[in-house]
């Protein structure tokens, strides 16, 4: 799932080399943190958080296949 987030984020931003995803597991739960360049925050979040919510929806479907719960936080640089 980490690779999925990286692929989506790199496709959206102007500075794909600054995309970083960190992952921490706590049993059945996975916490993902996405950080991008300051200039690209708007592209990843979108108007009213639509893009970020769409990424979360994709992650929710992917996580159900693996049998775990995933949360995604977009971290400010």
PDB file of N, CA and C in Angstrom:
ATOM      1  N   UNK A   1       0.810  -1.190   0.000  1.00  0.00           N
ATOM      2  CA  UNK A   1       0.000   0.000   0.000  1.00  0.00           C
ATOM      3  C   UNK A   1       0.859   1.260   0.000  1.00  0.00           C
ATOM      4  N   UNK A   2       2.036   1.153   0.573  1.00  0.00           N
ATOM      5  CA  UNK A   2       2.945   2.298   0.586  1.00  0.00           C
ATOM      6  C   UNK A   2       3.304   2.697  -0.845  1.00  0.00           C
ATOM      7  N   UNK A   3       3.543   1.704  -1.684  1.00  0.00           N
ATOM      8  CA  UNK A   3       3.891   1.973  -3.078  1.00  0.00           C
ATOM      9  C   UNK A   3       2.722   2.614  -3.822  1.00  0.00           C
ATOM     10  N   UNK A   4       1.512   2.208  -3.477  1.00  0.00           N
ATOM     11  CA  UNK A   4       0.315   2.771  -4.101  1.00  0.00           C
ATOM     12  C   UNK A   4       0.198   4.256  -3.791  1.00  0.00           C
ATOM     13  N   UNK A   5       0.393   4.631  -2.542  1.00  0.00           N
ATOM     14  CA  UNK A   5       0.324   6.044  -2.153  1.00  0.00           C
ATOM     15  C   UNK A   5       1.418   6.842  -2.841  1.00  0.00           C
ATOM     16  N   UNK A   6       2.631   6.287  -2.874  1.00  0.00           N
ATOM     17  CA  UNK A   6       3.738   6.983  -3.530  1.00  0.00           C
ATOM     18  C   UNK A   6       3.442   7.205  -5.007  1.00  0.00           C
ATOM     19  N   UNK A   7       2.899   6.201  -5.675  1.00  0.00           N
ATOM     20  CA  UNK A   7       2.587   6.320  -7.099  1.00  0.00           C
ATOM     21  C   UNK A   7       1.547   7.406  -7.340  1.00  0.00           C
ATOM     22  N   UNK A   8       0.481   7.398  -6.560  1.00  0.00           N
ATOM     23  CA  UNK A   8      -0.580   8.391  -6.739  1.00  0.00           C
ATOM     24  C   UNK A   8      -0.052   9.795  -6.458  1.00  0.00           C
ATOM     25  N   UNK A   9       0.673   9.958  -5.368  1.00  0.00           N
ATOM     26  CA  UNK A   9       1.184  11.280  -4.996  1.00  0.00           C
ATOM     27  C   UNK A   9       2.186  11.799  -6.017  1.00  0.00           C
ATOM     28  N   UNK A  10       3.084  10.939  -6.478  1.00  0.00           N
ATOM     29  CA  UNK A  10       4.075  11.384  -7.473  1.00  0.00           C
ATOM     30  C   UNK A  10       3.420  11.771  -8.795  1.00  0.00           C
ATOM     31  N   UNK A  11       2.279  11.164  -9.096  1.00  0.00           N
ATOM     32  CA  UNK A  11       1.558  11.502 -10.317  1.00  0.00           C
ATOM     33  C   UNK A  11       0.886  12.868 -10.216  1.00  0.00           C
ATOM     34  N   UNK A  12       0.601  13.314  -9.007  1.00  0.00           N
ATOM     35  CA  UNK A  12      -0.126  14.565  -8.812  1.00  0.00           C
ATOM     36  C   UNK A  12       0.758  15.792  -8.654  1.00  0.00           C
ATOM     37  N   UNK A  13       1.955  15.638  -8.116  1.00  0.00           N
ATOM     38  CA  UNK A  13       2.765  16.786  -7.696  1.00  0.00           C
ATOM     39  C   UNK A  13       3.749  17.248  -8.764  1.00  0.00           C
ATOM     40  N   UNK A  14       4.275  18.456  -8.560  1.00  0.00           N
ATOM     41  CA  UNK A  14       5.302  19.011  -9.447  1.00  0.00           C
ATOM     42  C   UNK A  14       6.705  18.567  -9.047  1.00  0.00           C
ATOM     43  N   UNK A  15       6.889  18.197  -7.769  1.00  0.00           N
ATOM     44  CA  UNK A  15       8.194  17.776  -7.263  1.00  0.00           C
ATOM     45  C   UNK A  15       8.097  16.328  -6.756  1.00  0.00           C
ATOM     46  N   UNK A  16       8.092  15.363  -7.666  1.00  0.00           N
ATOM     47  CA  UNK A  16       7.896  13.964  -7.245  1.00  0.00           C
ATOM     48  C   UNK A  16       9.036  13.407  -6.404  1.00  0.00           C
ATOM     49  N   UNK A  17      10.224  14.006  -6.480  1.00  0.00           N
ATOM     50  CA  UNK A  17      11.348  13.510  -5.696  1.00  0.00           C
ATOM     51  C   UNK A  17      11.212  13.845  -4.213  1.00  0.00           C
ATOM     52  N   UNK A  18      10.293  14.752  -3.853  1.00  0.00           N
ATOM     53  CA  UNK A  18      10.108  15.132  -2.455  1.00  0.00           C
ATOM     54  C   UNK A  18       8.944  14.398  -1.781  1.00  0.00           C
ATOM     55  N   UNK A  19       8.359  13.440  -2.483  1.00  0.00           N
ATOM     56  CA  UNK A  19       7.267  12.650  -1.905  1.00  0.00           C
ATOM     57  C   UNK A  19       7.865  11.595  -0.979  1.00  0.00           C
ATOM     58  N   UNK A  20       7.347  11.525   0.240  1.00  0.00           N
ATOM     59  CA  UNK A  20       7.814  10.526   1.200  1.00  0.00           C
ATOM     60  C   UNK A  20       6.611   9.950   1.945  1.00  0.00           C
ATOM     61  N   UNK A  21       6.604   8.640   2.089  1.00  0.00           N
ATOM     62  CA  UNK A  21       5.533   7.957   2.805  1.00  0.00           C
ATOM     63  C   UNK A  21       6.159   7.135   3.916  1.00  0.00           C
ATOM     64  N   UNK A  22       5.674   7.344   5.140  1.00  0.00           N
ATOM     65  CA  UNK A  22       6.145   6.520   6.256  1.00  0.00           C
ATOM     66  C   UNK A  22       4.983   5.664   6.736  1.00  0.00           C
ATOM     67  N   UNK A  23       5.319   4.484   7.225  1.00  0.00           N
ATOM     68  CA  UNK A  23       4.306   3.504   7.614  1.00  0.00           C
ATOM     69  C   UNK A  23       4.623   2.970   9.000  1.00  0.00           C
ATOM     70  N   UNK A  24       3.612   2.909   9.844  1.00  0.00           N
ATOM     71  CA  UNK A  24       3.794   2.285  11.151  1.00  0.00           C
ATOM     72  C   UNK A  24       2.618   1.342  11.397  1.00  0.00           C
ATOM     73  N   UNK A  25       2.938   0.165  11.920  1.00  0.00           N
ATOM     74  CA  UNK A  25       1.917  -0.858  12.155  1.00  0.00           C
ATOM     75  C   UNK A  25       1.706  -1.065  13.640  1.00  0.00           C
ATOM     76  N   UNK A  26       0.442  -1.200  13.999  1.00  0.00           N
ATOM     77  CA  UNK A  26       0.058  -1.497  15.370  1.00  0.00           C
ATOM     78  C   UNK A  26      -0.972  -2.621  15.308  1.00  0.00           C
ATOM     79  N   UNK A  27      -0.494  -3.836  15.248  1.00  0.00           N
ATOM     80  CA  UNK A  27      -1.397  -4.972  15.141  1.00  0.00           C
ATOM     81  C   UNK A  27      -2.070  -5.006  13.781  1.00  0.00           C
ATOM     82  N   UNK A  28      -3.383  -4.848  13.774  1.00  0.00           N
ATOM     83  CA  UNK A  28      -4.173  -4.900  12.548  1.00  0.00           C
ATOM     84  C   UNK A  28      -4.332  -3.521  11.903  1.00  0.00           C
ATOM     85  N   UNK A  29      -3.809  -2.487  12.532  1.00  0.00           N
ATOM     86  CA  UNK A  29      -3.961  -1.125  12.036  1.00  0.00           C
ATOM     87  C   UNK A  29      -2.650  -0.628  11.440  1.00  0.00           C
ATOM     88  N   UNK A  30      -2.765   0.082  10.343  1.00  0.00           N
ATOM     89  CA  UNK A  30      -1.605   0.654   9.666  1.00  0.00           C
ATOM     90  C   UNK A  30      -1.819   2.153   9.560  1.00  0.00           C
ATOM     91  N   UNK A  31      -0.825   2.924  10.009  1.00  0.00           N
ATOM     92  CA  UNK A  31      -0.870   4.378   9.949  1.00  0.00           C
ATOM     93  C   UNK A  31       0.121   4.840   8.889  1.00  0.00           C
ATOM     94  N   UNK A  32      -0.371   5.531   7.873  1.00  0.00           N
ATOM     95  CA  UNK A  32       0.477   6.032   6.793  1.00  0.00           C
ATOM     96  C   UNK A  32       0.537   7.552   6.890  1.00  0.00           C
ATOM     97  N   UNK A  33       1.734   8.101   6.714  1.00  0.00           N
ATOM     98  CA  UNK A  33       1.916   9.547   6.705  1.00  0.00           C
ATOM     99  C   UNK A  33       2.555   9.946   5.387  1.00  0.00           C
ATOM    100  N   UNK A  34       1.908  10.846   4.681  1.00  0.00           N
ATOM    101  CA  UNK A  34       2.372  11.323   3.390  1.00  0.00           C
ATOM    102  C   UNK A  34       2.887  12.737   3.543  1.00  0.00           C
ATOM    103  N   UNK A  35       4.100  12.966   3.086  1.00  0.00           N
ATOM    104  CA  UNK A  35       4.639  14.325   3.094  1.00  0.00           C
ATOM    105  C   UNK A  35       5.115  14.668   1.682  1.00  0.00           C
ATOM    106  N   UNK A  36       4.811  15.900   1.286  1.00  0.00           N
ATOM    107  CA  UNK A  36       5.193  16.398  -0.038  1.00  0.00           C
ATOM    108  C   UNK A  36       5.792  17.785   0.134  1.00  0.00           C
ATOM    109  N   UNK A  37       6.280  18.354  -0.952  1.00  0.00           N
ATOM    110  CA  UNK A  37       6.829  19.707  -0.904  1.00  0.00           C
ATOM    111  C   UNK A  37       5.720  20.688  -0.534  1.00  0.00           C
ATOM    112  N   UNK A  38       6.104  21.784   0.074  1.00  0.00           N
ATOM    113  CA  UNK A  38       5.127  22.775   0.543  1.00  0.00           C
ATOM    114  C   UNK A  38       4.273  23.302  -0.614  1.00  0.00           C
ATOM    115  N   UNK A  39       4.891  23.469  -1.782  1.00  0.00           N
ATOM    116  CA  UNK A  39       4.168  23.967  -2.951  1.00  0.00           C
ATOM    117  C   UNK A  39       3.128  22.976  -3.466  1.00  0.00           C
ATOM    118  N   UNK A  40       3.294  21.704  -3.164  1.00  0.00           N
ATOM    119  CA  UNK A  40       2.416  20.658  -3.691  1.00  0.00           C
ATOM    120  C   UNK A  40       1.303  20.245  -2.736  1.00  0.00           C
ATOM    121  N   UNK A  41       1.226  20.851  -1.568  1.00  0.00           N
ATOM    122  CA  UNK A  41       0.206  20.465  -0.590  1.00  0.00           C
ATOM    123  C   UNK A  41      -1.206  20.612  -1.158  1.00  0.00           C
ATOM    124  N   UNK A  42      -1.456  21.687  -1.864  1.00  0.00           N
ATOM    125  CA  UNK A  42      -2.779  21.920  -2.434  1.00  0.00           C
ATOM    126  C   UNK A  42      -3.171  20.875  -3.462  1.00  0.00           C
ATOM    127  N   UNK A  43      -2.205  20.393  -4.209  1.00  0.00           N
ATOM    128  CA  UNK A  43      -2.482  19.373  -5.223  1.00  0.00           C
ATOM    129  C   UNK A  43      -2.855  18.038  -4.585  1.00  0.00           C
ATOM    130  N   UNK A  44      -2.237  17.723  -3.466  1.00  0.00           N
ATOM    131  CA  UNK A  44      -2.500  16.443  -2.804  1.00  0.00           C
ATOM    132  C   UNK A  44      -3.793  16.494  -1.997  1.00  0.00           C
ATOM    133  N   UNK A  45      -4.078  17.641  -1.394  1.00  0.00           N
ATOM    134  CA  UNK A  45      -5.285  17.760  -0.578  1.00  0.00           C
ATOM    135  C   UNK A  45      -6.503  18.051  -1.453  1.00  0.00           C
ATOM    136  N   UNK A  46      -6.389  18.960  -2.401  1.00  0.00           N
ATOM    137  CA  UNK A  46      -7.492  19.290  -3.286  1.00  0.00           C
ATOM    138  C   UNK A  46      -8.485  20.233  -2.629  1.00  0.00           C
ATOM    139  N   UNK A  47      -9.453  20.684  -3.411  1.00  0.00           N
ATOM    140  CA  UNK A  47     -10.484  21.590  -2.892  1.00  0.00           C
ATOM    141  C   UNK A  47     -11.349  20.858  -1.893  1.00  0.00           C
ATOM    142  N   UNK A  48     -11.390  21.375  -0.701  1.00  0.00           N
ATOM    143  CA  UNK A  48     -12.222  20.755   0.330  1.00  0.00           C
ATOM    144  C   UNK A  48     -11.768  19.365   0.729  1.00  0.00           C
ATOM    145  N   UNK A  49     -10.528  19.011   0.395  1.00  0.00           N
ATOM    146  CA  UNK A  49     -10.007  17.699   0.762  1.00  0.00           C
ATOM    147  C   UNK A  49     -10.463  16.570  -0.136  1.00  0.00           C
ATOM    148  N   UNK A  50     -10.957  16.898  -1.319  1.00  0.00           N
ATOM    149  CA  UNK A  50     -11.496  15.866  -2.212  1.00  0.00           C
ATOM    150  C   UNK A  50     -10.440  14.873  -2.688  1.00  0.00           C
ATOM    151  N   UNK A  51      -9.273  15.365  -3.055  1.00  0.00           N
ATOM    152  CA  UNK A  51      -8.226  14.466  -3.545  1.00  0.00           C
ATOM    153  C   UNK A  51      -7.734  13.561  -2.420  1.00  0.00           C
ATOM    154  N   UNK A  52      -7.501  14.132  -1.250  1.00  0.00           N
ATOM    155  CA  UNK A  52      -7.048  13.338  -0.108  1.00  0.00           C
ATOM    156  C   UNK A  52      -8.092  12.285   0.263  1.00  0.00           C
ATOM    157  N   UNK A  53      -9.360  12.647   0.228  1.00  0.00           N
ATOM    158  CA  UNK A  53     -10.412  11.683   0.545  1.00  0.00           C
ATOM    159  C   UNK A  53     -10.506  10.587  -0.513  1.00  0.00           C
ATOM    160  N   UNK A  54     -10.247  10.931  -1.772  1.00  0.00           N
ATOM    161  CA  UNK A  54     -10.249   9.921  -2.822  1.00  0.00           C
ATOM    162  C   UNK A  54      -9.102   8.926  -2.616  1.00  0.00           C
ATOM    163  N   UNK A  55      -7.938   9.429  -2.214  1.00  0.00           N
ATOM    164  CA  UNK A  55      -6.810   8.539  -1.929  1.00  0.00           C
ATOM    165  C   UNK A  55      -7.153   7.637  -0.746  1.00  0.00           C
ATOM    166  N   UNK A  56      -7.790   8.184   0.270  1.00  0.00           N
ATOM    167  CA  UNK A  56      -8.198   7.378   1.434  1.00  0.00           C
ATOM    168  C   UNK A  56      -9.192   6.293   1.037  1.00  0.00           C
ATOM    169  N   UNK A  57     -10.100   6.597   0.112  1.00  0.00           N
ATOM    170  CA  UNK A  57     -11.066   5.612  -0.353  1.00  0.00           C
ATOM    171  C   UNK A  57     -10.365   4.465  -1.075  1.00  0.00           C
ATOM    172  N   UNK A  58      -9.404   4.789  -1.911  1.00  0.00           N
ATOM    173  CA  UNK A  58      -8.632   3.757  -2.610  1.00  0.00           C
ATOM    174  C   UNK A  58      -7.878   2.896  -1.606  1.00  0.00           C
ATOM    175  N   UNK A  59      -7.303   3.530  -0.587  1.00  0.00           N
ATOM    176  CA  UNK A  59      -6.583   2.785   0.446  1.00  0.00           C
ATOM    177  C   UNK A  59      -7.511   1.873   1.235  1.00  0.00           C
ATOM    178  N   UNK A  60      -8.713   2.347   1.505  1.00  0.00           N
ATOM    179  CA  UNK A  60      -9.669   1.542   2.251  1.00  0.00           C
ATOM    180  C   UNK A  60      -9.993   0.249   1.489  1.00  0.00           C
ATOM    181  N   UNK A  61     -10.173   0.358   0.173  1.00  0.00           N
ATOM    182  CA  UNK A  61     -10.457  -0.828  -0.646  1.00  0.00           C
ATOM    183  C   UNK A  61      -9.252  -1.760  -0.659  1.00  0.00           C
ATOM    184  N   UNK A  62      -8.051  -1.196  -0.831  1.00  0.00           N
ATOM    185  CA  UNK A  62      -6.839  -2.021  -0.858  1.00  0.00           C
ATOM    186  C   UNK A  62      -6.593  -2.689   0.489  1.00  0.00           C
ATOM    187  N   UNK A  63      -6.906  -1.997   1.572  1.00  0.00           N
ATOM    188  CA  UNK A  63      -6.658  -2.568   2.896  1.00  0.00           C
ATOM    189  C   UNK A  63      -7.644  -3.687   3.219  1.00  0.00           C
ATOM    190  N   UNK A  64      -8.853  -3.610   2.713  1.00  0.00           N
ATOM    191  CA  UNK A  64      -9.814  -4.690   2.940  1.00  0.00           C
ATOM    192  C   UNK A  64      -9.344  -5.983   2.301  1.00  0.00           C
ATOM    193  N   UNK A  65      -8.673  -5.877   1.190  1.00  0.00           N
ATOM    194  CA  UNK A  65      -8.130  -7.076   0.536  1.00  0.00           C
ATOM    195  C   UNK A  65      -7.056  -7.731   1.391  1.00  0.00           C
ATOM    196  N   UNK A  66      -6.304  -6.906   2.128  1.00  0.00           N
ATOM    197  CA  UNK A  66      -5.240  -7.432   2.977  1.00  0.00           C
ATOM    198  C   UNK A  66      -5.713  -7.722   4.398  1.00  0.00           C
ATOM    199  N   UNK A  67      -6.931  -7.345   4.720  1.00  0.00           N
ATOM    200  CA  UNK A  67      -7.494  -7.640   6.028  1.00  0.00           C
ATOM    201  C   UNK A  67      -6.991  -6.754   7.146  1.00  0.00           C
ATOM    202  N   UNK A  68      -6.740  -5.482   6.850  1.00  0.00           N
ATOM    203  CA  UNK A  68      -6.295  -4.563   7.891  1.00  0.00           C
ATOM    204  C   UNK A  68      -6.983  -3.223   7.709  1.00  0.00           C
ATOM    205  N   UNK A  69      -6.795  -2.326   8.665  1.00  0.00           N
ATOM    206  CA  UNK A  69      -7.357  -0.983   8.600  1.00  0.00           C
ATOM    207  C   UNK A  69      -6.233   0.019   8.382  1.00  0.00           C
ATOM    208  N   UNK A  70      -6.426   0.917   7.430  1.00  0.00           N
ATOM    209  CA  UNK A  70      -5.395   1.884   7.101  1.00  0.00           C
ATOM    210  C   UNK A  70      -5.931   3.293   7.282  1.00  0.00           C
ATOM    211  N   UNK A  71      -5.115   4.157   7.880  1.00  0.00           N
ATOM    212  CA  UNK A  71      -5.428   5.579   7.957  1.00  0.00           C
ATOM    213  C   UNK A  71      -4.299   6.357   7.283  1.00  0.00           C
ATOM    214  N   UNK A  72      -4.665   7.434   6.614  1.00  0.00           N
ATOM    215  CA  UNK A  72      -3.688   8.263   5.910  1.00  0.00           C
ATOM    216  C   UNK A  72      -3.748   9.675   6.442  1.00  0.00           C
ATOM    217  N   UNK A  73      -2.598  10.204   6.821  1.00  0.00           N
ATOM    218  CA  UNK A  73      -2.461  11.603   7.236  1.00  0.00           C
ATOM    219  C   UNK A  73      -1.515  12.295   6.275  1.00  0.00           C
ATOM    220  N   UNK A  74      -1.900  13.478   5.829  1.00  0.00           N
ATOM    221  CA  UNK A  74      -1.028  14.294   5.005  1.00  0.00           C
ATOM    222  C   UNK A  74      -0.324  15.259   5.954  1.00  0.00           C
ATOM    223  N   UNK A  75       0.988  15.134   6.035  1.00  0.00           N
ATOM    224  CA  UNK A  75       1.791  15.895   6.989  1.00  0.00           C
ATOM    225  C   UNK A  75       2.331  17.144   6.322  1.00  0.00           C
ATOM    226  N   UNK A  76       2.194  18.269   7.008  1.00  0.00           N
ATOM    227  CA  UNK A  76       2.745  19.526   6.481  1.00  0.00           C
ATOM    228  C   UNK A  76       4.259  19.529   6.616  1.00  0.00           C
ATOM    229  N   UNK A  77       4.947  20.047   5.595  1.00  0.00           N
ATOM    230  CA  UNK A  77       6.422  20.081   5.665  1.00  0.00           C
ATOM    231  C   UNK A  77       6.939  21.100   6.652  1.00  0.00           C
TER     232      UNK A  77
END
